[in-house]
Amino acid sequence: MTLRAPSGTRRKRTARTGKNFLRRWHYPAGSGITVSEIINRSEGAKFGRSYRVTVPARLAGVRRFKQFASIETAEQWAAEQNAGIQQDGKKHFQLTPAQREAAIAAFSLLEGTGLSLAEAVSLAKKHHQPSAGALTVTQVVEKLLVEKEAENLRERSVRDLRNRLDIFCQTFGDRPVKDISRADIEEWLKDLRSVSAKSADGLSARSRKNYLVTIRTFFNYAIFKGYRTADNPATKISMPKIDWQAPSILTVPEARQLLAAAQQEQNGQLLESVVIGLFAGIRSNEIMRLDWSAIDLDEGILTIGPQIAKKRRLRVLELMPNCIAWLKSCTNREGRVAPGKYTVRWLAFVKAAGFPDWGENRTNAMRHSFGSYHYALNSDAAKTAAMLGHRANDQVLFDSYRSLARKKDAEEYFGILPSGVKT
């Protein structure tokens, strides 16, 4: 069989290989790029021909090959490579045709942003591959909780953080923390109505705010540790506005009622807790950790150490005279002020004392009562702030307290004394 040279004046046969008379020619002529005819074989059988284009290393940096089924497609590709070489030299081969098309599309998307393609890619890479690796929400939550426990955060604070983040993990636990968006969090907050059995309409504004604060803390930690780029999706969500509600305080008769019940409860074991809550205003958690060694009745002071205080700041309280009188009436003045299983006993106690709604509406009623009556008695915001462990300039706090009680009621409140004791 006689082979015909390919048609076209630009095609030149340069060699015949073996008995098959395979052709090879430069295309375009003089370019140095060659097109070679190849016999296709499979398991020893021949089944037609294909055409391989070779771009030598001197043109491309490294020798490049590509094979085609027809002469026309082979020569077309060879011509494209030659044109690219003429324009860009060896740089032409740093991008594939698909990559060049993608680059052109990227430049179009970047119009008006002021970013270069390199800057855009750098930002995208940081988001897609955080410096510390792509961890799931559950993995980052576990790391956060371990660190908070190591920081000696209060047990209650760690428990609250864990409870809210556990609920967050029920929805997002298996997802990479880098992929969570603002829309994801907003939808999750809307669906949290199932968590609150008391509200068919969803979480209260206060609860929603608490969850949002927790999620902001979580993402700030993830960003700081390099599990996510500097983009906290929760900060873009508006914090719920909480309607002001007057703190729940006890009337003077109700304070007397609570004291009388405490004197009767298991030989007065809760009396000290009630007295310190009503007339010193310290927090329930502080009462639970308080020891009698912190109370000096001769000097009339109570010391809240940093290991007890919520904000871990030492504060020394000057006890009100009626508080001193009540504490002196207590027979057991050693060890912990609050008895064992305090929380369980307290809930049973206030219910039996005639306050069945205590857990829902009056949780901090003793502390609020003290703050309101103390401010009404002294008209001294800084003094009341010092007793409560707040900043002296916490004007919002005293805007809330100052209209709740009258001075004559405060005088009667701090005039409540144990039977047989006179002022």
Protein backbone atom coordinates (compact mmCIF):
# COMPACT_ATOMS: atom_id res chain seq x y z
CA MET A 1 0.00 0.00 0.00
CA THR A 2 1.32 3.42 -0.96
CA LEU A 3 0.85 6.21 1.59
CA ARG A 4 0.02 9.72 0.45
CA ALA A 5 1.56 12.68 2.13
CA PRO A 6 -0.94 14.86 3.95
CA SER A 7 -2.44 17.60 1.87
CA GLY A 8 -1.47 21.26 2.29
CA THR A 9 1.71 23.07 1.55
CA ARG A 10 2.46 23.62 5.27
CA ARG A 11 2.71 19.91 5.94
CA LYS A 12 6.07 18.25 5.21
CA ARG A 13 6.93 14.59 5.64
CA THR A 14 10.26 14.44 7.51
CA ALA A 15 10.72 10.72 8.16
CA ARG A 16 9.42 7.24 7.50
CA THR A 17 9.48 4.96 10.53
CA GLY A 18 9.84 1.20 9.91
CA LYS A 19 7.92 -0.73 7.31
CA ASN A 20 4.71 1.20 8.09
CA PHE A 21 6.07 4.39 6.52
CA LEU A 22 4.73 6.55 9.44
CA ARG A 23 4.81 10.25 8.78
CA ARG A 24 6.14 13.12 10.92
CA TRP A 25 6.12 16.84 10.03
CA HIS A 26 6.50 20.30 11.57
CA TYR A 27 3.33 22.24 12.09
CA PRO A 28 3.21 25.14 11.55
CA ALA A 29 6.19 24.91 9.25
CA GLY A 30 9.38 26.07 10.97
CA SER A 31 7.73 26.20 14.41
CA GLY A 32 9.65 23.26 15.86
CA ILE A 33 6.35 21.62 16.87
CA THR A 34 5.94 18.19 15.27
CA VAL A 35 2.92 16.07 14.38
CA SER A 36 3.59 12.31 14.24
CA GLU A 37 1.44 9.56 12.83
CA ILE A 38 0.86 6.69 15.33
CA ILE A 39 -0.41 3.13 14.74
CA ASN A 40 -3.04 2.25 17.35
CA ARG A 41 -2.54 -1.23 18.76
CA SER A 42 -4.34 -3.34 21.35
CA GLU A 43 -3.23 -6.84 22.31
CA GLY A 44 -1.17 -7.02 19.11
CA ALA A 45 -3.99 -5.98 16.79
CA LYS A 46 -3.89 -2.78 14.74
CA PHE A 47 -7.00 -0.59 14.60
CA GLY A 48 -6.29 2.65 12.79
CA ARG A 49 -4.10 5.66 13.34
CA SER A 50 -3.87 8.68 15.60
CA TYR A 51 -1.70 11.81 15.59
CA ARG A 52 0.61 12.92 18.35
CA VAL A 53 1.73 16.52 18.72
CA THR A 54 5.10 17.11 20.40
CA VAL A 55 6.24 20.48 21.74
CA PRO A 56 9.99 20.26 22.50
CA ALA A 57 11.50 21.27 25.84
CA ARG A 58 13.33 24.22 24.30
CA LEU A 59 9.93 25.78 23.57
CA ALA A 60 7.80 24.59 26.53
CA GLY A 61 10.32 24.19 29.36
CA VAL A 62 9.60 20.47 29.44
CA ARG A 63 8.66 18.32 26.48
CA ARG A 64 4.88 18.10 26.08
CA PHE A 65 2.75 15.56 24.19
CA LYS A 66 -0.88 15.34 23.23
CA GLN A 67 -2.58 12.75 20.99
CA PHE A 68 -5.56 13.25 18.65
CA ALA A 69 -7.80 11.05 16.50
CA SER A 70 -7.57 13.26 13.39
CA ILE A 71 -4.98 15.33 11.55
CA GLU A 72 -7.23 18.38 11.67
CA THR A 73 -7.57 18.47 15.48
CA ALA A 74 -3.86 17.72 15.92
CA GLU A 75 -2.82 20.56 13.67
CA GLN A 76 -5.31 22.94 15.26
CA TRP A 77 -3.85 22.28 18.72
CA ALA A 78 -0.31 22.62 17.38
CA ALA A 79 -1.19 25.98 15.84
CA GLU A 80 -2.71 27.20 19.15
CA GLN A 81 0.43 26.24 21.05
CA ASN A 82 2.63 28.01 18.52
CA ALA A 83 0.52 31.18 18.78
CA GLY A 84 0.77 31.03 22.58
CA ILE A 85 4.53 30.59 22.41
CA GLN A 86 4.88 33.54 20.07
CA GLN A 87 2.93 35.72 22.52
CA ASP A 88 4.02 34.50 25.98
CA GLY A 89 6.97 32.19 25.48
CA LYS A 90 7.24 29.34 27.98
CA LYS A 91 4.66 31.06 30.29
CA HIS A 92 2.03 29.93 27.83
CA PHE A 93 2.29 26.41 29.24
CA GLN A 94 1.85 27.40 32.90
CA LEU A 95 -1.95 27.32 32.49
CA THR A 96 -4.13 24.80 30.73
CA PRO A 97 -6.84 26.13 28.39
CA ALA A 98 -9.44 25.38 31.08
CA GLN A 99 -7.39 27.29 33.63
CA ARG A 100 -7.05 30.27 31.31
CA GLU A 101 -10.81 30.34 30.79
CA ALA A 102 -11.34 30.17 34.56
CA ALA A 103 -8.88 33.06 35.05
CA ILE A 104 -10.72 35.21 32.52
CA ALA A 105 -14.02 34.49 34.34
CA ALA A 106 -12.40 35.32 37.68
CA PHE A 107 -11.18 38.71 36.45
CA SER A 108 -14.73 39.46 35.36
CA LEU A 109 -16.06 38.65 38.85
CA LEU A 110 -13.41 40.83 40.49
CA GLU A 111 -14.40 43.97 38.62
CA GLY A 112 -15.17 46.76 41.06
CA THR A 113 -13.81 44.95 44.14
CA GLY A 114 -10.32 46.48 44.04
CA LEU A 115 -8.83 43.02 44.63
CA SER A 116 -6.22 41.39 42.47
CA LEU A 117 -6.74 37.78 41.46
CA ALA A 118 -3.93 36.74 43.82
CA GLU A 119 -5.52 38.63 46.73
CA ALA A 120 -8.90 37.06 46.04
CA VAL A 121 -7.40 33.58 45.90
CA SER A 122 -5.52 34.19 49.15
CA LEU A 123 -8.74 35.18 50.94
CA ALA A 124 -10.62 32.21 49.52
CA LYS A 125 -7.85 29.83 50.53
CA LYS A 126 -7.82 31.10 54.11
CA HIS A 127 -11.57 30.56 54.34
CA HIS A 128 -11.53 27.18 52.66
CA GLN A 129 -8.48 25.90 54.50
CA PRO A 130 -8.11 27.53 57.95
CA SER A 131 -4.56 27.61 59.29
CA ALA A 132 -5.29 25.11 62.07
CA GLY A 133 -7.23 22.69 59.87
CA ALA A 134 -10.88 22.06 59.09
CA LEU A 135 -12.47 20.82 62.33
CA THR A 136 -16.12 20.07 62.95
CA VAL A 137 -18.28 22.11 65.32
CA THR A 138 -18.27 19.25 67.85
CA GLN A 139 -14.47 19.06 67.83
CA VAL A 140 -14.10 22.79 68.42
CA VAL A 141 -16.75 22.77 71.18
CA GLU A 142 -14.84 20.05 73.01
CA LYS A 143 -11.60 22.04 72.79
CA LEU A 144 -13.33 25.21 74.02
CA LEU A 145 -14.86 23.48 77.05
CA VAL A 146 -11.57 21.85 78.00
CA GLU A 147 -9.86 25.26 77.96
CA LYS A 148 -12.64 26.92 79.95
CA GLU A 149 -12.40 24.23 82.62
CA ALA A 150 -8.62 24.65 82.69
CA GLU A 151 -9.12 28.41 83.17
CA ASN A 152 -10.96 27.57 86.41
CA LEU A 153 -14.21 29.04 85.16
CA ARG A 154 -17.05 28.66 87.64
CA GLU A 155 -18.73 25.25 87.46
CA ARG A 156 -22.11 26.84 86.80
CA SER A 157 -20.68 28.98 83.97
CA VAL A 158 -19.09 25.93 82.34
CA ARG A 159 -22.35 24.00 82.72
CA ASP A 160 -24.40 26.78 81.09
CA LEU A 161 -21.88 27.04 78.26
CA ARG A 162 -21.89 23.28 77.75
CA ASN A 163 -25.70 23.01 77.75
CA ARG A 164 -26.17 25.67 75.08
CA LEU A 165 -23.33 24.39 72.90
CA ASP A 166 -24.64 20.83 73.17
CA ILE A 167 -27.90 22.07 71.66
CA PHE A 168 -25.93 23.86 68.92
CA CYS A 169 -24.08 20.60 68.20
CA GLN A 170 -27.35 18.70 67.77
CA THR A 171 -27.83 20.65 64.53
CA PHE A 172 -24.30 21.50 63.40
CA GLY A 173 -22.04 19.01 65.20
CA ASP A 174 -20.78 17.17 62.10
CA ARG A 175 -20.33 20.26 59.93
CA PRO A 176 -16.97 22.03 59.53
CA VAL A 177 -16.91 25.12 61.71
CA LYS A 178 -15.57 27.13 58.77
CA ASP A 179 -18.76 26.51 56.77
CA ILE A 180 -21.40 27.79 59.23
CA SER A 181 -23.08 30.94 57.94
CA ARG A 182 -25.14 33.73 59.42
CA ALA A 183 -28.24 32.30 57.70
CA ASP A 184 -27.59 28.91 59.32
CA ILE A 185 -27.49 30.46 62.80
CA GLU A 186 -30.56 32.63 62.24
CA GLU A 187 -32.58 29.61 61.10
CA TRP A 188 -31.34 27.61 64.08
CA LEU A 189 -32.39 30.33 66.52
CA LYS A 190 -35.87 30.39 64.99
CA ASP A 191 -36.20 26.61 65.38
CA LEU A 192 -35.19 26.67 69.05
CA ARG A 193 -38.86 26.96 70.03
CA SER A 194 -38.81 23.18 70.58
CA VAL A 195 -36.26 23.63 73.37
CA SER A 196 -38.55 25.94 75.31
CA ALA A 197 -41.59 23.96 76.42
CA LYS A 198 -43.08 27.09 77.99
CA SER A 199 -43.34 29.03 74.77
CA ALA A 200 -45.02 27.82 71.59
CA ASP A 201 -43.71 30.94 69.85
CA GLY A 202 -40.08 30.13 70.49
CA LEU A 203 -37.48 31.42 72.90
CA SER A 204 -37.97 34.55 74.94
CA ALA A 205 -35.84 37.54 74.01
CA ARG A 206 -33.68 36.92 77.09
CA SER A 207 -33.06 33.26 76.20
CA ARG A 208 -32.39 34.11 72.57
CA LYS A 209 -29.86 36.71 73.68
CA ASN A 210 -28.15 34.19 75.97
CA TYR A 211 -27.83 31.68 73.14
CA LEU A 212 -26.52 34.31 70.75
CA VAL A 213 -23.89 35.46 73.26
CA THR A 214 -22.75 31.84 73.64
CA ILE A 215 -22.50 31.30 69.88
CA ARG A 216 -20.53 34.54 69.48
CA THR A 217 -18.12 33.31 72.14
CA PHE A 218 -17.77 29.98 70.33
CA PHE A 219 -16.93 31.53 66.95
CA ASN A 220 -14.54 34.06 68.50
CA TYR A 221 -12.67 31.12 70.01
CA ALA A 222 -12.67 29.26 66.66
CA ILE A 223 -11.24 32.33 64.91
CA PHE A 224 -8.59 32.90 67.60
CA LYS A 225 -7.45 29.28 67.32
CA GLY A 226 -7.33 29.35 63.51
CA TYR A 227 -10.22 26.93 62.91
CA ARG A 228 -12.05 29.65 61.00
CA THR A 229 -11.06 32.88 59.27
CA ALA A 230 -11.73 36.26 60.87
CA ASP A 231 -15.45 36.19 60.17
CA ASN A 232 -17.80 35.64 63.10
CA PRO A 233 -21.23 34.98 61.55
CA ALA A 234 -23.01 35.46 64.87
CA THR A 235 -21.87 39.09 65.26
CA LYS A 236 -23.86 39.96 62.14
CA ILE A 237 -27.10 38.98 63.90
CA SER A 238 -28.82 41.75 65.84
CA MET A 239 -28.94 41.20 69.58
CA PRO A 240 -32.58 40.92 70.75
CA LYS A 241 -33.98 43.90 72.60
CA ILE A 242 -35.18 42.94 76.06
CA ASP A 243 -38.08 44.84 77.56
CA TRP A 244 -37.25 46.25 80.95
CA GLN A 245 -38.99 44.56 83.84
CA ALA A 246 -38.88 45.74 87.40
CA PRO A 247 -36.94 43.32 89.61
CA SER A 248 -39.16 41.22 91.83
CA ILE A 249 -38.78 42.28 95.46
CA LEU A 250 -40.41 41.13 98.67
CA THR A 251 -42.72 43.38 100.62
CA VAL A 252 -41.87 43.87 104.27
CA PRO A 253 -44.62 41.41 105.33
CA GLU A 254 -43.29 38.84 102.83
CA ALA A 255 -39.77 39.23 104.23
CA ARG A 256 -41.14 38.59 107.71
CA GLN A 257 -43.03 35.57 106.38
CA LEU A 258 -39.85 34.11 104.83
CA LEU A 259 -37.85 34.63 108.05
CA ALA A 260 -40.53 33.01 110.20
CA ALA A 261 -40.63 29.98 107.90
CA ALA A 262 -36.82 29.71 107.98
CA GLN A 263 -36.85 29.61 111.78
CA GLN A 264 -39.13 26.58 111.63
CA GLU A 265 -37.45 24.67 108.76
CA GLN A 266 -35.44 21.75 110.28
CA ASN A 267 -34.43 23.66 113.39
CA GLY A 268 -33.57 26.81 111.48
CA GLN A 269 -30.86 25.32 109.25
CA LEU A 270 -31.79 27.70 106.42
CA LEU A 271 -32.13 30.78 108.62
CA GLU A 272 -28.57 32.03 108.05
CA SER A 273 -29.05 31.78 104.28
CA VAL A 274 -32.28 33.77 104.41
CA VAL A 275 -30.80 36.43 106.69
CA ILE A 276 -27.70 36.95 104.52
CA GLY A 277 -29.80 36.98 101.37
CA LEU A 278 -32.33 39.49 102.68
CA PHE A 279 -30.05 41.82 104.64
CA ALA A 280 -26.63 41.48 102.95
CA GLY A 281 -27.80 40.90 99.38
CA ILE A 282 -25.20 38.37 98.33
CA ARG A 283 -25.89 35.98 95.46
CA SER A 284 -27.31 32.49 95.95
CA ASN A 285 -24.16 30.85 94.58
CA GLU A 286 -22.06 32.94 96.95
CA ILE A 287 -24.23 31.86 99.89
CA MET A 288 -23.70 28.21 98.93
CA ARG A 289 -19.89 28.64 99.11
CA LEU A 290 -19.78 30.96 102.11
CA ASP A 291 -18.16 29.82 105.36
CA TRP A 292 -18.79 31.23 108.82
CA SER A 293 -15.10 32.08 109.04
CA ALA A 294 -15.78 34.91 106.56
CA ILE A 295 -18.22 36.57 108.97
CA ASP A 296 -16.94 38.78 111.78
CA LEU A 297 -19.93 39.72 113.91
CA ASP A 298 -17.83 41.75 116.38
CA GLU A 299 -16.59 43.99 113.56
CA GLY A 300 -19.86 43.69 111.68
CA ILE A 301 -18.28 42.72 108.36
CA LEU A 302 -18.64 39.88 105.87
CA THR A 303 -15.80 39.11 103.47
CA ILE A 304 -16.58 37.70 100.04
CA GLY A 305 -13.28 36.20 98.85
CA PRO A 306 -12.33 35.95 95.17
CA GLN A 307 -12.78 32.19 95.32
CA ILE A 308 -16.45 32.80 96.23
CA ALA A 309 -17.36 35.97 94.34
CA LYS A 310 -18.99 35.65 90.95
CA LYS A 311 -16.56 38.15 89.43
CA ARG A 312 -13.62 36.81 91.48
CA ARG A 313 -13.03 40.16 93.12
CA LEU A 314 -12.64 40.52 96.87
CA ARG A 315 -15.29 42.62 98.51
CA VAL A 316 -15.89 43.42 102.16
CA LEU A 317 -19.46 44.18 103.23
CA GLU A 318 -20.41 46.32 106.20
CA LEU A 319 -23.34 44.41 107.62
CA MET A 320 -26.59 46.14 108.48
CA PRO A 321 -27.38 46.17 112.23
CA ASN A 322 -30.43 43.93 111.88
CA CYS A 323 -28.36 41.43 109.84
CA ILE A 324 -25.84 41.21 112.69
CA ALA A 325 -28.63 40.72 115.22
CA TRP A 326 -30.19 37.90 113.21
CA LEU A 327 -26.84 36.13 112.67
CA LYS A 328 -26.06 36.35 116.39
CA SER A 329 -29.35 34.55 117.04
CA CYS A 330 -28.14 31.54 115.04
CA THR A 331 -26.87 28.77 117.29
CA ASN A 332 -24.52 26.99 114.86
CA ARG A 333 -21.85 29.40 113.61
CA GLU A 334 -19.23 27.03 112.24
CA GLY A 335 -18.53 25.54 108.80
CA ARG A 336 -20.62 26.25 105.76
CA VAL A 337 -23.45 28.72 106.13
CA ALA A 338 -25.73 26.80 103.75
CA PRO A 339 -26.70 23.19 104.59
CA GLY A 340 -26.09 20.25 102.25
CA LYS A 341 -28.27 19.72 99.16
CA TYR A 342 -29.04 23.42 99.43
CA THR A 343 -30.72 23.89 96.05
CA VAL A 344 -33.17 21.01 96.50
CA ARG A 345 -33.97 21.99 100.06
CA TRP A 346 -34.42 25.64 99.13
CA LEU A 347 -37.03 24.95 96.44
CA ALA A 348 -39.01 22.76 98.82
CA PHE A 349 -38.66 25.38 101.56
CA VAL A 350 -39.95 28.41 99.61
CA LYS A 351 -42.90 26.40 98.32
CA ALA A 352 -43.85 25.35 101.84
CA ALA A 353 -43.29 28.94 103.03
CA GLY A 354 -46.02 30.18 100.68
CA PHE A 355 -43.99 31.18 97.62
CA PRO A 356 -44.84 28.54 94.97
CA ASP A 357 -43.70 30.82 92.11
CA TRP A 358 -40.23 31.42 93.58
CA GLY A 359 -38.28 29.44 90.98
CA GLU A 360 -40.03 31.13 88.06
CA ASN A 361 -40.54 34.73 89.19
CA ARG A 362 -38.58 35.33 92.39
CA THR A 363 -35.24 33.57 91.89
CA ASN A 364 -33.23 36.65 92.96
CA ALA A 365 -35.94 38.25 95.07
CA MET A 366 -33.84 38.47 98.27
CA ARG A 367 -30.90 40.15 96.50
CA HIS A 368 -33.22 42.50 94.61
CA SER A 369 -35.04 43.34 97.84
CA PHE A 370 -31.79 44.22 99.57
CA GLY A 371 -30.61 46.41 96.67
CA SER A 372 -33.92 48.25 96.40
CA TYR A 373 -34.36 48.90 100.12
CA HIS A 374 -30.69 49.74 100.66
CA TYR A 375 -30.76 52.33 97.89
CA ALA A 376 -34.05 53.77 99.16
CA LEU A 377 -32.57 54.03 102.66
CA ASN A 378 -29.26 55.68 101.71
CA SER A 379 -29.83 57.31 98.29
CA ASP A 380 -26.19 56.41 97.62
CA ALA A 381 -25.67 54.53 94.36
CA ALA A 382 -21.95 53.93 94.96
CA LYS A 383 -22.57 52.50 98.42
CA THR A 384 -25.27 50.13 97.20
CA ALA A 385 -23.08 49.15 94.25
CA ALA A 386 -20.22 48.24 96.59
CA MET A 387 -22.53 46.05 98.68
CA LEU A 388 -23.88 44.25 95.60
CA GLY A 389 -20.47 43.87 93.95
CA HIS A 390 -21.28 46.10 90.97
CA ARG A 391 -19.38 49.00 89.44
CA ALA A 392 -19.94 52.30 91.19
CA ASN A 393 -21.04 53.89 87.91
CA ASP A 394 -23.56 51.17 87.04
CA GLN A 395 -26.33 53.71 86.53
CA VAL A 396 -28.58 51.27 84.69
CA LEU A 397 -28.70 49.06 87.77
CA PHE A 398 -29.79 51.90 90.01
CA ASP A 399 -32.23 53.30 87.48
CA SER A 400 -33.93 49.95 87.98
CA TYR A 401 -33.74 49.88 91.78
CA ARG A 402 -34.38 53.41 92.86
CA SER A 403 -38.12 53.58 92.14
CA LEU A 404 -39.02 50.19 93.65
CA ALA A 405 -39.11 51.11 97.34
CA ARG A 406 -39.80 54.14 99.53
CA LYS A 407 -37.55 55.23 102.37
CA LYS A 408 -40.16 54.51 105.04
CA ASP A 409 -40.49 50.95 103.70
CA ALA A 410 -36.70 50.60 103.75
CA GLU A 411 -36.56 51.73 107.37
CA GLU A 412 -39.18 49.13 108.27
CA TYR A 413 -37.37 46.44 106.21
CA PHE A 414 -34.01 46.95 107.91
CA GLY A 415 -35.83 47.30 111.21
CA ILE A 416 -36.97 43.66 111.12
CA LEU A 417 -35.31 42.02 114.15
CA PRO A 418 -35.45 38.62 115.89
CA SER A 419 -37.98 38.43 118.68
CA GLY A 420 -36.64 39.80 121.94
CA VAL A 421 -34.08 42.07 120.26
CA LYS A 422 -34.63 45.80 120.32
CA THR A 423 -32.92 48.59 118.41
